[in-house]
Every structure is written in structure tokens, then in C-alpha cells.
C-alpha atoms as a PDB file:
ATOM      1  CA  MET A   1      84.992 112.955  80.199  1.00  0.00           C
ATOM      2  CA  LYS A   2      82.457 114.726  82.529  1.00  0.00           C
ATOM      3  CA  LYS A   3      81.254 112.232  85.080  1.00  0.00           C
ATOM      4  CA  ILE A   4      77.562 112.239  85.900  1.00  0.00           C
ATOM      5  CA  LEU A   5      77.372 109.787  89.058  1.00  0.00           C
ATOM      6  CA  ILE A   6      80.117 108.247  91.314  1.00  0.00           C
ATOM      7  CA  LEU A   7      78.898 106.695  94.553  1.00  0.00           C
ATOM      8  CA  LEU A   8      82.295 105.971  96.578  1.00  0.00           C
ATOM      9  CA  GLY A   9      83.315 103.733  93.850  1.00  0.00           C
ATOM     10  CA  PHE A  10      81.053 101.298  93.559  1.00  0.00           C
ATOM     11  CA  CYS A  11      77.675 100.552  91.974  1.00  0.00           C
ATOM     12  CA  PHE A  12      74.630 100.519  94.366  1.00  0.00           C
ATOM     13  CA  CYS A  13      72.561 101.619  92.092  1.00  0.00           C
ATOM     14  CA  PHE A  14      69.983 100.018  89.467  1.00  0.00           C
ATOM     15  CA  SER A  15      71.273 102.369  86.643  1.00  0.00           C
ATOM     16  CA  LEU A  16      73.777 105.515  86.012  1.00  0.00           C
ATOM     17  CA  PHE A  17      75.565 107.381  83.604  1.00  0.00           C
ATOM     18  CA  ALA A  18      79.056 105.810  82.249  1.00  0.00           C
ATOM     19  CA  ASN A  19      79.766 108.918  81.225  1.00  0.00           C
ATOM     20  CA  GLU A  20      77.836 111.906  79.417  1.00  0.00           C
ATOM     21  CA  HIS A  21      77.382 109.763  76.532  1.00  0.00           C
ATOM     22  CA  VAL A  22      75.988 106.619  77.952  1.00  0.00           C
ATOM     23  CA  PHE A  23      73.273 105.006  80.322  1.00  0.00           C
ATOM     24  CA  VAL A  24      73.915 101.602  81.232  1.00  0.00           C
ATOM     25  CA  THR A  25      71.713  99.024  82.932  1.00  0.00           C
ATOM     26  CA  GLY A  26      72.631  95.948  84.999  1.00  0.00           C
ATOM     27  CA  VAL A  27      76.535  96.755  86.894  1.00  0.00           C
ATOM     28  CA  SER A  28      74.932  97.343  89.719  1.00  0.00           C
ATOM     29  CA  ASP A  29      76.760  94.590  91.898  1.00  0.00           C
ATOM     30  CA  CYS A  30      79.920  95.952  90.432  1.00  0.00           C
ATOM     31  CA  GLU A  31      82.838  97.744  92.015  1.00  0.00           C
ATOM     32  CA  TYR A  32      83.327 100.767  90.029  1.00  0.00           C
ATOM     33  CA  THR A  33      86.433 102.888  89.159  1.00  0.00           C
ATOM     34  CA  ASN A  34      86.892 106.026  87.504  1.00  0.00           C
ATOM     35  CA  HIS A  35      90.908 105.906  86.565  1.00  0.00           C
ATOM     36  CA  GLU A  36      92.069 109.512  86.799  1.00  0.00           C
ATOM     37  CA  SER A  37      89.247 110.122  83.654  1.00  0.00           C
ATOM     38  CA  LEU A  38      91.123 107.984  81.622  1.00  0.00           C
ATOM     39  CA  TYR A  39      88.771 105.421  81.830  1.00  0.00           C
ATOM     40  CA  GLU A  40      86.096 103.732  83.718  1.00  0.00           C
ATOM     41  CA  THR A  41      85.979 100.396  84.982  1.00  0.00           C
ATOM     42  CA  TRP A  42      82.800  97.898  86.386  1.00  0.00           C
ATOM     43  CA  TYR A  43      84.720  94.632  88.247  1.00  0.00           C
ATOM     44  CA  ASP A  44      82.630  91.863  88.551  1.00  0.00           C
ATOM     45  CA  THR A  45      84.448  90.225  91.692  1.00  0.00           C
ATOM     46  CA  ASN A  46      83.002  87.310  91.503  1.00  0.00           C
ATOM     47  CA  TYR A  47      84.723  86.071  88.096  1.00  0.00           C
ATOM     48  CA  LYS A  48      87.445  88.162  88.750  1.00  0.00           C
ATOM     49  CA  ASN A  49      87.334  90.462  85.028  1.00  0.00           C
ATOM     50  CA  PRO A  50      85.709  93.759  84.048  1.00  0.00           C
ATOM     51  CA  ARG A  51      82.299  93.267  83.532  1.00  0.00           C
ATOM     52  CA  LEU A  52      82.386  96.739  81.434  1.00  0.00           C
ATOM     53  CA  VAL A  53      84.959  99.343  80.658  1.00  0.00           C
ATOM     54  CA  ILE A  54      84.354 103.159  78.811  1.00  0.00           C
ATOM     55  CA  TRP A  55      86.230 105.847  77.433  1.00  0.00           C
ATOM     56  CA  ASP A  56      86.449 108.645  75.121  1.00  0.00           C
ATOM     57  CA  LEU A  57      89.423 109.028  72.794  1.00  0.00           C
ATOM     58  CA  THR A  58      89.233 112.268  71.402  1.00  0.00           C
ATOM     59  CA  PHE A  59      91.576 113.681  67.858  1.00  0.00           C
ATOM     60  CA  GLU A  60      93.875 114.833  70.530  1.00  0.00           C
ATOM     61  CA  GLU A  61      94.192 111.400  72.310  1.00  0.00           C
ATOM     62  CA  ALA A  62      94.624 109.794  69.450  1.00  0.00           C
ATOM     63  CA  VAL A  63      97.246 112.047  67.827  1.00  0.00           C
ATOM     64  CA  SER A  64      98.999 112.098  70.919  1.00  0.00           C
ATOM     65  CA  SER A  65      99.376 108.520  71.664  1.00  0.00           C
ATOM     66  CA  ASP A  66     100.394 107.630  67.588  1.00  0.00           C
ATOM     67  CA  GLN A  67     103.429 110.348  68.038  1.00  0.00           C
ATOM     68  CA  ALA A  68     104.503 109.251  71.603  1.00  0.00           C
ATOM     69  CA  SER A  69     106.858 106.826  71.745  1.00  0.00           C
ATOM     70  CA  GLY A  70     105.158 103.585  72.371  1.00  0.00           C
ATOM     71  CA  ASN A  71     105.416 103.726  76.568  1.00  0.00           C
ATOM     72  CA  ARG A  72     104.338 101.151  78.312  1.00  0.00           C
ATOM     73  CA  ALA A  73     104.439  99.740  81.905  1.00  0.00           C
ATOM     74  CA  SER A  74     106.945  97.490  83.571  1.00  0.00           C
ATOM     75  CA  LYS A  75     104.461  95.364  85.407  1.00  0.00           C
ATOM     76  CA  PHE A  76     100.469  95.085  85.669  1.00  0.00           C
ATOM     77  CA  THR A  77      99.625  95.902  88.922  1.00  0.00           C
ATOM     78  CA  LYS A  78      96.691  94.910  91.199  1.00  0.00           C
ATOM     79  CA  PHE A  79      94.244  97.473  92.301  1.00  0.00           C
ATOM     80  CA  GLY A  80      90.823  97.391  94.574  1.00  0.00           C
ATOM     81  CA  SER A  81      89.568  93.452  94.054  1.00  0.00           C
ATOM     82  CA  SER A  82      91.466  92.479  91.628  1.00  0.00           C
ATOM     83  CA  VAL A  83      93.260  89.504  91.294  1.00  0.00           C
ATOM     84  CA  ASP A  84      97.453  89.260  90.941  1.00  0.00           C
ATOM     85  CA  GLN A  85      98.889  89.471  87.776  1.00  0.00           C
ATOM     86  CA  LYS A  86     100.775  86.159  88.568  1.00  0.00           C
ATOM     87  CA  VAL A  87      97.208  84.373  88.684  1.00  0.00           C
ATOM     88  CA  TYR A  88      97.997  84.005  84.581  1.00  0.00           C
ATOM     89  CA  ASN A  89     101.112  82.431  85.282  1.00  0.00           C
ATOM     90  CA  LYS A  90     101.316  79.544  82.820  1.00  0.00           C
ATOM     91  CA  SER A  91      97.459  79.879  81.705  1.00  0.00           C
ATOM     92  CA  GLY A  92      98.312  79.567  77.895  1.00  0.00           C
ATOM     93  CA  TYR A  93      96.085  83.452  78.208  1.00  0.00           C
ATOM     94  CA  ASP A  94      97.052  86.430  77.674  1.00  0.00           C
ATOM     95  CA  LYS A  95      96.668  89.648  79.880  1.00  0.00           C
ATOM     96  CA  GLY A  96      94.063  91.277  77.522  1.00  0.00           C
ATOM     97  CA  HIS A  97      93.872  95.158  77.911  1.00  0.00           C
ATOM     98  CA  MET A  98      90.228  96.406  77.609  1.00  0.00           C
ATOM     99  CA  CYS A  99      91.095 100.046  77.706  1.00  0.00           C
ATOM    100  CA  PRO A 100      94.098  99.526  75.469  1.00  0.00           C
ATOM    101  CA  ASN A 101      97.891 101.393  76.502  1.00  0.00           C
ATOM    102  CA  GLY A 102      97.681 102.931  72.969  1.00  0.00           C
ATOM    103  CA  ASP A 103      95.106 104.573  73.240  1.00  0.00           C
ATOM    104  CA  ARG A 104      96.465 106.371  76.879  1.00  0.00           C
ATOM    105  CA  ASP A 105     100.735 106.246  75.960  1.00  0.00           C
ATOM    106  CA  TRP A 106     101.153 109.617  75.559  1.00  0.00           C
ATOM    107  CA  SER A 107     103.037 109.277  78.992  1.00  0.00           C
ATOM    108  CA  LYS A 108     104.727 106.901  81.073  1.00  0.00           C
ATOM    109  CA  GLU A 109     102.466 107.681  83.631  1.00  0.00           C
ATOM    110  CA  SER A 110      99.360 107.612  81.668  1.00  0.00           C
ATOM    111  CA  ALA A 111     100.710 104.087  80.195  1.00  0.00           C
ATOM    112  CA  GLU A 112     100.864 102.658  83.774  1.00  0.00           C
ATOM    113  CA  ILE A 113      97.178 103.419  84.820  1.00  0.00           C
ATOM    114  CA  THR A 114      96.118 100.986  81.444  1.00  0.00           C
ATOM    115  CA  PHE A 115      97.783  98.113  83.434  1.00  0.00           C
ATOM    116  CA  ARG A 116      95.631  97.970  86.547  1.00  0.00           C
ATOM    117  CA  MET A 117      94.288  94.146  86.616  1.00  0.00           C
ATOM    118  CA  VAL A 118      90.822  95.541  86.944  1.00  0.00           C
ATOM    119  CA  ASN A 119      91.308  96.542  83.052  1.00  0.00           C
ATOM    120  CA  ILE A 120      92.537  93.045  82.209  1.00  0.00           C
ATOM    121  CA  CYS A 121      90.709  89.581  80.981  1.00  0.00           C
ATOM    122  CA  PRO A 122      91.901  86.777  79.573  1.00  0.00           C
ATOM    123  CA  GLN A 123      92.519  86.516  76.110  1.00  0.00           C
ATOM    124  CA  SER A 124      94.111  84.276  73.777  1.00  0.00           C
ATOM    125  CA  SER A 125      97.004  85.305  71.511  1.00  0.00           C
ATOM    126  CA  LYS A 126      95.102  84.784  68.591  1.00  0.00           C
ATOM    127  CA  LEU A 127      92.784  87.326  69.773  1.00  0.00           C
ATOM    128  CA  ASN A 128      94.784  89.842  71.723  1.00  0.00           C
ATOM    129  CA  ARG A 129      97.644  90.138  68.932  1.00  0.00           C
ATOM    130  CA  GLY A 130      94.970  90.150  66.015  1.00  0.00           C
ATOM    131  CA  SER A 131      91.788  91.345  65.371  1.00  0.00           C
ATOM    132  CA  TRP A 132      91.659  92.858  68.952  1.00  0.00           C
ATOM    133  CA  LYS A 133      94.548  94.595  68.291  1.00  0.00           C
ATOM    134  CA  GLN A 134      93.448  95.689  64.875  1.00  0.00           C
ATOM    135  CA  PHE A 135      89.992  97.251  66.543  1.00  0.00           C
ATOM    136  CA  GLU A 136      92.527  99.019  68.599  1.00  0.00           C
ATOM    137  CA  SER A 137      93.822 100.869  66.020  1.00  0.00           C
ATOM    138  CA  TYR A 138      90.459 101.366  64.294  1.00  0.00           C
ATOM    139  CA  GLY A 139      89.178 103.340  67.345  1.00  0.00           C
ATOM    140  CA  HIS A 140      92.286 105.395  66.426  1.00  0.00           C
ATOM    141  CA  LYS A 141      90.903 105.990  63.161  1.00  0.00           C
ATOM    142  CA  LEU A 142      87.386 106.845  63.872  1.00  0.00           C
ATOM    143  CA  ALA A 143      88.651 109.478  66.737  1.00  0.00           C
ATOM    144  CA  LYS A 144      90.723 111.255  64.018  1.00  0.00           C
ATOM    145  CA  SER A 145      87.887 111.371  61.370  1.00  0.00           C
ATOM    146  CA  THR A 146      85.454 111.969  64.068  1.00  0.00           C
ATOM    147  CA  MET A 147      87.288 114.098  66.655  1.00  0.00           C
ATOM    148  CA  LEU A 148      85.938 111.976  69.107  1.00  0.00           C
ATOM    149  CA  VAL A 149      84.752 107.931  69.556  1.00  0.00           C
ATOM    150  CA  THR A 150      83.335 107.074  72.858  1.00  0.00           C
ATOM    151  CA  ILE A 151      84.303 102.938  72.710  1.00  0.00           C
ATOM    152  CA  ILE A 152      82.949 100.086  75.017  1.00  0.00           C
ATOM    153  CA  CYS A 153      83.897  96.800  75.435  1.00  0.00           C
ATOM    154  CA  GLY A 154      83.741  93.955  77.436  1.00  0.00           C
ATOM    155  CA  PRO A 155      83.324  90.291  77.808  1.00  0.00           C
ATOM    156  CA  ILE A 156      81.011  87.351  76.932  1.00  0.00           C
ATOM    157  CA  TYR A 157      80.068  84.357  78.838  1.00  0.00           C
ATOM    158  CA  SER A 158      78.948  81.207  78.031  1.00  0.00           C
ATOM    159  CA  GLU A 159      77.645  78.135  79.972  1.00  0.00           C
ATOM    160  CA  THR A 160      81.039  75.952  79.037  1.00  0.00           C
ATOM    161  CA  ASP A 161      83.373  78.730  80.398  1.00  0.00           C
ATOM    162  CA  LYS A 162      86.433  77.256  82.235  1.00  0.00           C
ATOM    163  CA  TYR A 163      88.333  79.238  84.962  1.00  0.00           C
ATOM    164  CA  ILE A 164      92.255  80.077  85.568  1.00  0.00           C
ATOM    165  CA  LYS A 165      93.599  78.308  88.846  1.00  0.00           C
ATOM    166  CA  SER A 166      89.704  78.044  89.617  1.00  0.00           C
ATOM    167  CA  ILE A 167      89.915  82.104  89.864  1.00  0.00           C
ATOM    168  CA  VAL A 168      89.146  83.971  86.604  1.00  0.00           C
ATOM    169  CA  ARG A 169      86.443  83.049  84.367  1.00  0.00           C
ATOM    170  CA  ILE A 170      87.604  82.368  80.662  1.00  0.00           C
ATOM    171  CA  PRO A 171      84.817  84.811  78.693  1.00  0.00           C
ATOM    172  CA  TYR A 172      83.707  83.311  75.779  1.00  0.00           C
ATOM    173  CA  GLY A 173      84.078  86.015  73.676  1.00  0.00           C
ATOM    174  CA  PHE A 174      84.152  90.047  73.764  1.00  0.00           C
ATOM    175  CA  PHE A 175      82.191  92.641  72.474  1.00  0.00           C
ATOM    176  CA  LYS A 176      82.951  96.222  71.550  1.00  0.00           C
ATOM    177  CA  MET A 177      81.337  98.885  70.716  1.00  0.00           C
ATOM    178  CA  PHE A 178      82.230 102.556  68.586  1.00  0.00           C
ATOM    179  CA  ILE A 179      79.723 105.490  69.556  1.00  0.00           C
ATOM    180  CA  THR A 180      80.517 108.400  67.361  1.00  0.00           C
ATOM    181  CA  GLU A 181      78.203 111.536  66.486  1.00  0.00           C
ATOM    182  CA  ASN A 182      76.477 109.551  63.620  1.00  0.00           C
ATOM    183  CA  LYS A 183      76.150 105.792  64.372  1.00  0.00           C
ATOM    184  CA  ILE A 184      77.046 103.037  66.689  1.00  0.00           C
ATOM    185  CA  GLU A 185      78.953 100.622  65.350  1.00  0.00           C
ATOM    186  CA  CYS A 186      79.071  96.965  67.131  1.00  0.00           C
ATOM    187  CA  TYR A 187      81.171  93.857  67.100  1.00  0.00           C
ATOM    188  CA  ILE A 188      81.447  90.018  68.615  1.00  0.00           C
ATOM    189  CA  PHE A 189      85.018  88.197  68.614  1.00  0.00           C
ATOM    190  CA  ASN A 190      85.530  84.996  69.958  1.00  0.00           C
ATOM    191  CA  GLN A 191      88.605  83.570  71.650  1.00  0.00           C
ATOM    192  CA  GLU A 192      89.847  82.161  68.036  1.00  0.00           C
ATOM    193  CA  GLY A 193      90.199  86.179  67.165  1.00  0.00           C
ATOM    194  CA  TYR A 194      87.106  85.908  65.005  1.00  0.00           C
ATOM    195  CA  TYR A 195      84.644  88.563  65.081  1.00  0.00           C
ATOM    196  CA  TYR A 196      81.427  90.067  63.068  1.00  0.00           C
ATOM    197  CA  LYS A 197      79.474  93.190  62.707  1.00  0.00           C
ATOM    198  CA  THR A 198      75.917  92.777  64.837  1.00  0.00           C
ATOM    199  CA  ASP A 199      73.982  95.156  66.659  1.00  0.00           C
ATOM    200  CA  LEU A 200      73.130  96.744  69.929  1.00  0.00           C
ATOM    201  CA  SER A 201      70.101  94.402  70.665  1.00  0.00           C
ATOM    202  CA  GLN A 202      72.599  91.620  70.566  1.00  0.00           C
ATOM    203  CA  ILE A 203      74.886  92.992  72.249  1.00  0.00           C
ATOM    204  CA  GLU A 204      72.186  93.685  75.326  1.00  0.00           C
ATOM    205  CA  LYS A 205      71.507  89.982  74.672  1.00  0.00           C
ATOM    206  CA  VAL A 206      74.685  88.242  75.319  1.00  0.00           C
ATOM    207  CA  THR A 207      75.656  90.340  77.947  1.00  0.00           C
ATOM    208  CA  ASN A 208      72.370  91.178  80.169  1.00  0.00           C
ATOM    209  CA  LEU A 209      73.315  94.861  79.827  1.00  0.00           C
ATOM    210  CA  LYS A 210      71.368  97.862  78.640  1.00  0.00           C
ATOM    211  CA  PHE A 211      71.952 100.879  77.099  1.00  0.00           C
ATOM    212  CA  SER A 212      71.061 104.361  76.203  1.00  0.00           C
ATOM    213  CA  PHE A 213      72.712 107.440  74.580  1.00  0.00           C
ATOM    214  CA  PRO A 214      70.732 110.754  75.855  1.00  0.00           C
ATOM    215  CA  ASN A 215      72.573 112.340  72.801  1.00  0.00           C
ATOM    216  CA  LYS A 216      71.369 110.047  70.006  1.00  0.00           C
END
């Protein structure tokens, strides 16, 4: 990924380029990290979840990951202002990857980077091991057919959300976007694992983020 703007690891501006394909407004209060060009996170220190995660998946990366032996990290690691993984213990929620291990598991080292807690949100097992996982595979399919897909995802909150140990906000659901040369696909998921296809305006409405795509 070509990075256009990085400000000492934090988002102090009102809008910024996430990468060469996406322009985002609404993450100025988040802790920003470029994770060795494998993915980018904007971490919400109040809710202890990433507000936004973006990465590119190329044809070569998808093939390399699919051919790998399923490299995984031995544990989740605290990073920056993130919580410790122990907060999730006995919560009933999975530690759900935003940028999936399966997109970056061509080596043990690259896989471990996806296990940083700034890349993790509470997800029900129905979602994390069901439709969310299915759409991780769909990202690979798109990358192989289009040569490059930019993937964006993050949590969606509601007024009735609860917290894990009064620390981590449990999102009502999640959004996921797939940007290829010819189209933008948008989806919304809930914690029960149900999902539906939607459009960019609805994603912006439920997230209070604003996206634009300079090359579109």
C-alpha cells in the first residue's frame, strides 16, 4: 500500500487518505497505526475497538495465503492503547479479527501481526465462525478475479450496546466494504450472523464516517 499521510501514529486531522484508494473523514480522534503495510487501524480508545480497518489484498497475496499451511500466532498481543486479551476471558465473545489472519498468513511473522488487539472486536461465535468467515473467503475470490481488492470494515454501535467488564463495547454489528476497479460492494452484519447487501450511503449513516474514492 502507498501511504499518503501518517502523523506520528495518530489521526489529528479531520480527514486523511487511508491508502491510495480511499479517503476517510471521521476518525480524527482515533489512534492510527500502519501495521508494516499489511493493514491499517484506527483504534477507538474509548470503546477499545478499532473504528476502522483497511487493507489491500492482491492476487499474489491471496494465492500465497491460500497455499500457506495456515500460519497462526500462538496468542493475541496488546498493542498501543489496546486492552489485554484477558479482558475477553469468560465473556462469551470471540476475539474477532477485522483484517483476517487468512489474508496475511503466508508466514508466521505476517500472521502474528494480525493478532494485535487493535485489530480485534467482540464477535459472537455465530458471526465470527459463520458469515464473517464466509466473507473473508469472498475477499480472496475477488482478489483472484480482479487482481486487487481494497477491504474496509469496522463495528456498528447502537444505543443498547453492552460492555465486556465495563471496558470493551460490544458492537451491535459490523460493516464490510469491498472496493475493486469496477465497483464497491457494501454489507452489514449483526451479531446473530445475519447480513444484507447495502450501499455506501447506509454505511456512512450507521458509522458516522465519510468515504470517498479518488480513483473512482
